[in-house]
Amino acid sequence: MKFVTSILFAAFCASQVVASDADTIFLDVTPSTDIGAYEWQNRVLVVFANSDRDPRFQDQLAMINEEVEALRDRDVVVAIDTNPAMKSKLRTTFRPHGFMILLIGKDGHKALRKPFPWDIREISRTIDKMPMRQQEMRQDN
């Protein structure tokens, strides 16, 4: 739980991609956050909750922590929005009802939307089926 708290602290204190090192993948969500800036460079996993105390939110962050390397390998940035009162651009665009995760591909296409925490292995499998990821894997070989 201590690590989850440190992730939350880091994610809410930065103004851009949170960076204690070049490999950190968390994006601070502000009212004007535009994930379009990541199009063609990163996939975005948006994690919505009505509170950072939501057990589903904390479970999802724990899953991210356990498999963070898998997300880094797939060029994923994690955007966290736990403040419905802030009315972020993300929240008004995607209209979550409580907890929700949303995976957006590099092309801006919504690839996955779930109202419950989802295992990072399953998210990785979803990414690996995407045509752009298939091309990336072929280029890496």
C-alpha atoms as a PDB file:
ATOM      1  CA  MET A   1       0.000   0.000   0.000  1.00  0.00           C
ATOM      2  CA  LYS A   2       2.931   2.326   0.636  1.00  0.00           C
ATOM      3  CA  PHE A   3       4.004   2.069  -3.025  1.00  0.00           C
ATOM      4  CA  VAL A   4       0.472   2.864  -4.223  1.00  0.00           C
ATOM      5  CA  THR A   5       0.489   5.988  -2.049  1.00  0.00           C
ATOM      6  CA  SER A   6       3.842   7.047  -3.501  1.00  0.00           C
ATOM      7  CA  ILE A   7       2.509   6.529  -7.035  1.00  0.00           C
ATOM      8  CA  LEU A   8      -0.494   8.695  -6.229  1.00  0.00           C
ATOM      9  CA  PHE A   9       1.709  11.373  -4.717  1.00  0.00           C
ATOM     10  CA  ALA A  10       4.016  11.380  -7.740  1.00  0.00           C
ATOM     11  CA  ALA A  11       1.155  11.290 -10.223  1.00  0.00           C
ATOM     12  CA  PHE A  12      -0.623  14.262  -8.724  1.00  0.00           C
ATOM     13  CA  CYS A  13       2.439  16.441  -8.091  1.00  0.00           C
ATOM     14  CA  ALA A  14       3.881  16.679 -11.595  1.00  0.00           C
ATOM     15  CA  SER A  15       2.687  18.773 -14.495  1.00  0.00           C
ATOM     16  CA  GLN A  16       3.827  16.456 -17.285  1.00  0.00           C
ATOM     17  CA  VAL A  17       4.786  12.806 -17.401  1.00  0.00           C
ATOM     18  CA  VAL A  18       5.925  12.166 -13.860  1.00  0.00           C
ATOM     19  CA  ALA A  19       9.661  11.742 -13.971  1.00  0.00           C
ATOM     20  CA  SER A  20      11.907  10.538 -11.252  1.00  0.00           C
ATOM     21  CA  ASP A  21      13.650   8.745 -14.110  1.00  0.00           C
ATOM     22  CA  ALA A  22      13.143   8.485 -17.864  1.00  0.00           C
ATOM     23  CA  ASP A  23      11.150   5.265 -17.552  1.00  0.00           C
ATOM     24  CA  THR A  24       8.310   6.536 -15.381  1.00  0.00           C
ATOM     25  CA  ILE A  25       4.988   6.118 -17.138  1.00  0.00           C
ATOM     26  CA  PHE A  26       2.503   8.161 -15.102  1.00  0.00           C
ATOM     27  CA  LEU A  27       0.816  11.247 -16.511  1.00  0.00           C
ATOM     28  CA  ASP A  28      -0.617  13.931 -14.264  1.00  0.00           C
ATOM     29  CA  VAL A  29      -4.199  14.720 -15.290  1.00  0.00           C
ATOM     30  CA  THR A  30      -5.167  18.376 -15.098  1.00  0.00           C
ATOM     31  CA  PRO A  31      -8.392  20.015 -16.299  1.00  0.00           C
ATOM     32  CA  SER A  32      -6.772  20.653 -19.689  1.00  0.00           C
ATOM     33  CA  THR A  33      -4.868  17.373 -20.144  1.00  0.00           C
ATOM     34  CA  ASP A  34      -4.980  16.428 -23.807  1.00  0.00           C
ATOM     35  CA  ILE A  35      -3.907  12.876 -24.548  1.00  0.00           C
ATOM     36  CA  GLY A  36      -3.818  13.789 -28.229  1.00  0.00           C
ATOM     37  CA  ALA A  37      -0.250  14.920 -27.563  1.00  0.00           C
ATOM     38  CA  TYR A  38       0.666  11.232 -27.132  1.00  0.00           C
ATOM     39  CA  GLU A  39      -0.923  10.086 -30.391  1.00  0.00           C
ATOM     40  CA  TRP A  40       1.434   8.009 -32.575  1.00  0.00           C
ATOM     41  CA  GLN A  41       4.009   7.920 -29.758  1.00  0.00           C
ATOM     42  CA  ASN A  42       2.319   6.234 -26.789  1.00  0.00           C
ATOM     43  CA  ARG A  43      -0.662   4.160 -25.886  1.00  0.00           C
ATOM     44  CA  VAL A  44      -2.602   5.667 -23.007  1.00  0.00           C
ATOM     45  CA  LEU A  45      -4.194   3.721 -20.174  1.00  0.00           C
ATOM     46  CA  VAL A  46      -6.609   6.045 -18.397  1.00  0.00           C
ATOM     47  CA  VAL A  47      -7.643   5.029 -14.889  1.00  0.00           C
ATOM     48  CA  PHE A  48     -10.724   6.843 -13.597  1.00  0.00           C
ATOM     49  CA  ALA A  49     -12.175   6.688 -10.095  1.00  0.00           C
ATOM     50  CA  ASN A  50     -14.276   9.008  -7.993  1.00  0.00           C
ATOM     51  CA  SER A  51     -11.692   8.828  -5.208  1.00  0.00           C
ATOM     52  CA  ASP A  52      -8.129   7.644  -4.764  1.00  0.00           C
ATOM     53  CA  ARG A  53      -9.527   5.561  -1.889  1.00  0.00           C
ATOM     54  CA  ASP A  54     -11.720   3.461  -4.189  1.00  0.00           C
ATOM     55  CA  PRO A  55     -10.605  -0.157  -3.607  1.00  0.00           C
ATOM     56  CA  ARG A  56     -10.895  -0.889  -7.344  1.00  0.00           C
ATOM     57  CA  PHE A  57      -8.590   2.036  -8.082  1.00  0.00           C
ATOM     58  CA  GLN A  58      -6.064   0.852  -5.528  1.00  0.00           C
ATOM     59  CA  ASP A  59      -6.262  -2.713  -6.903  1.00  0.00           C
ATOM     60  CA  GLN A  60      -5.626  -1.420 -10.431  1.00  0.00           C
ATOM     61  CA  LEU A  61      -2.602   0.607  -9.323  1.00  0.00           C
ATOM     62  CA  ALA A  62      -1.221  -2.430  -7.512  1.00  0.00           C
ATOM     63  CA  MET A  63      -1.598  -4.467 -10.725  1.00  0.00           C
ATOM     64  CA  ILE A  64       0.152  -1.739 -12.700  1.00  0.00           C
ATOM     65  CA  ASN A  65       2.978  -1.713 -10.169  1.00  0.00           C
ATOM     66  CA  GLU A  66       3.432  -5.484 -10.443  1.00  0.00           C
ATOM     67  CA  GLU A  67       3.726  -5.402 -14.246  1.00  0.00           C
ATOM     68  CA  VAL A  68       5.033  -1.899 -14.963  1.00  0.00           C
ATOM     69  CA  GLU A  69       7.776  -3.259 -17.248  1.00  0.00           C
ATOM     70  CA  ALA A  70       5.180  -4.842 -19.539  1.00  0.00           C
ATOM     71  CA  LEU A  71       3.557  -1.431 -19.943  1.00  0.00           C
ATOM     72  CA  ARG A  72       6.876   0.324 -20.542  1.00  0.00           C
ATOM     73  CA  ASP A  73       7.747  -2.243 -23.220  1.00  0.00           C
ATOM     74  CA  ARG A  74       4.489  -1.391 -24.983  1.00  0.00           C
ATOM     75  CA  ASP A  75       4.943   2.404 -24.817  1.00  0.00           C
ATOM     76  CA  VAL A  76       2.062   2.871 -22.371  1.00  0.00           C
ATOM     77  CA  VAL A  77       1.499   6.068 -20.410  1.00  0.00           C
ATOM     78  CA  VAL A  78      -0.898   5.801 -17.455  1.00  0.00           C
ATOM     79  CA  ALA A  79      -3.197   8.772 -16.870  1.00  0.00           C
ATOM     80  CA  ILE A  80      -4.878   8.880 -13.459  1.00  0.00           C
ATOM     81  CA  ASP A  81      -8.038  10.882 -12.814  1.00  0.00           C
ATOM     82  CA  THR A  82      -9.580  10.474  -9.355  1.00  0.00           C
ATOM     83  CA  ASN A  83     -11.133  13.897  -9.008  1.00  0.00           C
ATOM     84  CA  PRO A  84     -14.579  14.189 -10.633  1.00  0.00           C
ATOM     85  CA  ALA A  85     -14.941  17.755  -9.324  1.00  0.00           C
ATOM     86  CA  MET A  86     -11.966  18.821 -11.477  1.00  0.00           C
ATOM     87  CA  LYS A  87     -13.989  18.017 -14.641  1.00  0.00           C
ATOM     88  CA  SER A  88     -10.949  17.139 -16.681  1.00  0.00           C
ATOM     89  CA  LYS A  89     -11.117  17.055 -20.441  1.00  0.00           C
ATOM     90  CA  LEU A  90     -10.669  13.275 -20.221  1.00  0.00           C
ATOM     91  CA  ARG A  91     -13.602  12.898 -17.835  1.00  0.00           C
ATOM     92  CA  THR A  92     -15.940  15.019 -19.952  1.00  0.00           C
ATOM     93  CA  THR A  93     -14.907  13.183 -23.139  1.00  0.00           C
ATOM     94  CA  PHE A  94     -15.155   9.594 -21.854  1.00  0.00           C
ATOM     95  CA  ARG A  95     -17.835  10.052 -19.150  1.00  0.00           C
ATOM     96  CA  PRO A  96     -16.822   7.363 -16.653  1.00  0.00           C
ATOM     97  CA  HIS A  97     -19.334   6.240 -14.052  1.00  0.00           C
ATOM     98  CA  GLY A  98     -17.193   5.654 -10.988  1.00  0.00           C
ATOM     99  CA  PHE A  99     -14.217   3.392 -11.630  1.00  0.00           C
ATOM    100  CA  MET A 100     -13.202   2.747 -15.227  1.00  0.00           C
ATOM    101  CA  ILE A 101     -10.099   1.917 -17.223  1.00  0.00           C
ATOM    102  CA  LEU A 102      -9.731   2.943 -20.825  1.00  0.00           C
ATOM    103  CA  LEU A 103      -6.972   1.874 -23.207  1.00  0.00           C
ATOM    104  CA  ILE A 104      -6.322   4.132 -26.159  1.00  0.00           C
ATOM    105  CA  GLY A 105      -4.048   2.987 -28.961  1.00  0.00           C
ATOM    106  CA  LYS A 106      -1.279   5.037 -30.531  1.00  0.00           C
ATOM    107  CA  ASP A 107      -3.696   5.869 -33.344  1.00  0.00           C
ATOM    108  CA  GLY A 108      -6.188   7.374 -30.864  1.00  0.00           C
ATOM    109  CA  HIS A 109      -8.626   4.464 -31.174  1.00  0.00           C
ATOM    110  CA  LYS A 110     -10.357   3.270 -27.974  1.00  0.00           C
ATOM    111  CA  ALA A 111      -9.216  -0.338 -27.709  1.00  0.00           C
ATOM    112  CA  LEU A 112     -10.586  -1.314 -24.313  1.00  0.00           C
ATOM    113  CA  ARG A 113     -13.049   0.015 -21.766  1.00  0.00           C
ATOM    114  CA  LYS A 114     -13.696  -1.839 -18.507  1.00  0.00           C
ATOM    115  CA  PRO A 115     -15.695  -0.856 -15.399  1.00  0.00           C
ATOM    116  CA  PHE A 116     -13.478  -2.978 -13.144  1.00  0.00           C
ATOM    117  CA  PRO A 117      -9.740  -3.516 -12.559  1.00  0.00           C
ATOM    118  CA  TRP A 118      -8.118  -5.551 -15.275  1.00  0.00           C
ATOM    119  CA  ASP A 119      -4.969  -7.625 -15.078  1.00  0.00           C
ATOM    120  CA  ILE A 120      -1.971  -6.106 -16.871  1.00  0.00           C
ATOM    121  CA  ARG A 121      -1.342  -9.403 -18.651  1.00  0.00           C
ATOM    122  CA  GLU A 122      -4.790  -9.096 -20.238  1.00  0.00           C
ATOM    123  CA  ILE A 123      -4.152  -5.459 -21.118  1.00  0.00           C
ATOM    124  CA  SER A 124      -0.809  -6.491 -22.632  1.00  0.00           C
ATOM    125  CA  ARG A 125      -2.515  -9.203 -24.683  1.00  0.00           C
ATOM    126  CA  THR A 126      -5.000  -6.650 -25.959  1.00  0.00           C
ATOM    127  CA  ILE A 127      -2.142  -4.347 -26.958  1.00  0.00           C
ATOM    128  CA  ASP A 128      -0.210  -7.185 -28.584  1.00  0.00           C
ATOM    129  CA  LYS A 129      -3.180  -7.891 -30.869  1.00  0.00           C
ATOM    130  CA  MET A 130      -3.209  -4.308 -32.175  1.00  0.00           C
ATOM    131  CA  PRO A 131      -1.886  -3.940 -35.745  1.00  0.00           C
ATOM    132  CA  MET A 132       0.610  -1.233 -34.789  1.00  0.00           C
ATOM    133  CA  ARG A 133       2.000  -3.377 -31.959  1.00  0.00           C
ATOM    134  CA  GLN A 134       2.258  -6.350 -34.332  1.00  0.00           C
ATOM    135  CA  GLN A 135       4.328  -4.154 -36.652  1.00  0.00           C
ATOM    136  CA  GLU A 136       6.520  -2.995 -33.737  1.00  0.00           C
ATOM    137  CA  MET A 137       7.188  -6.597 -32.712  1.00  0.00           C
ATOM    138  CA  ARG A 138       8.162  -7.542 -36.283  1.00  0.00           C
ATOM    139  CA  GLN A 139      10.556  -4.576 -36.444  1.00  0.00           C
ATOM    140  CA  ASP A 140      12.158  -5.579 -33.141  1.00  0.00           C
ATOM    141  CA  ASN A 141      13.074  -9.015 -34.519  1.00  0.00           C
END
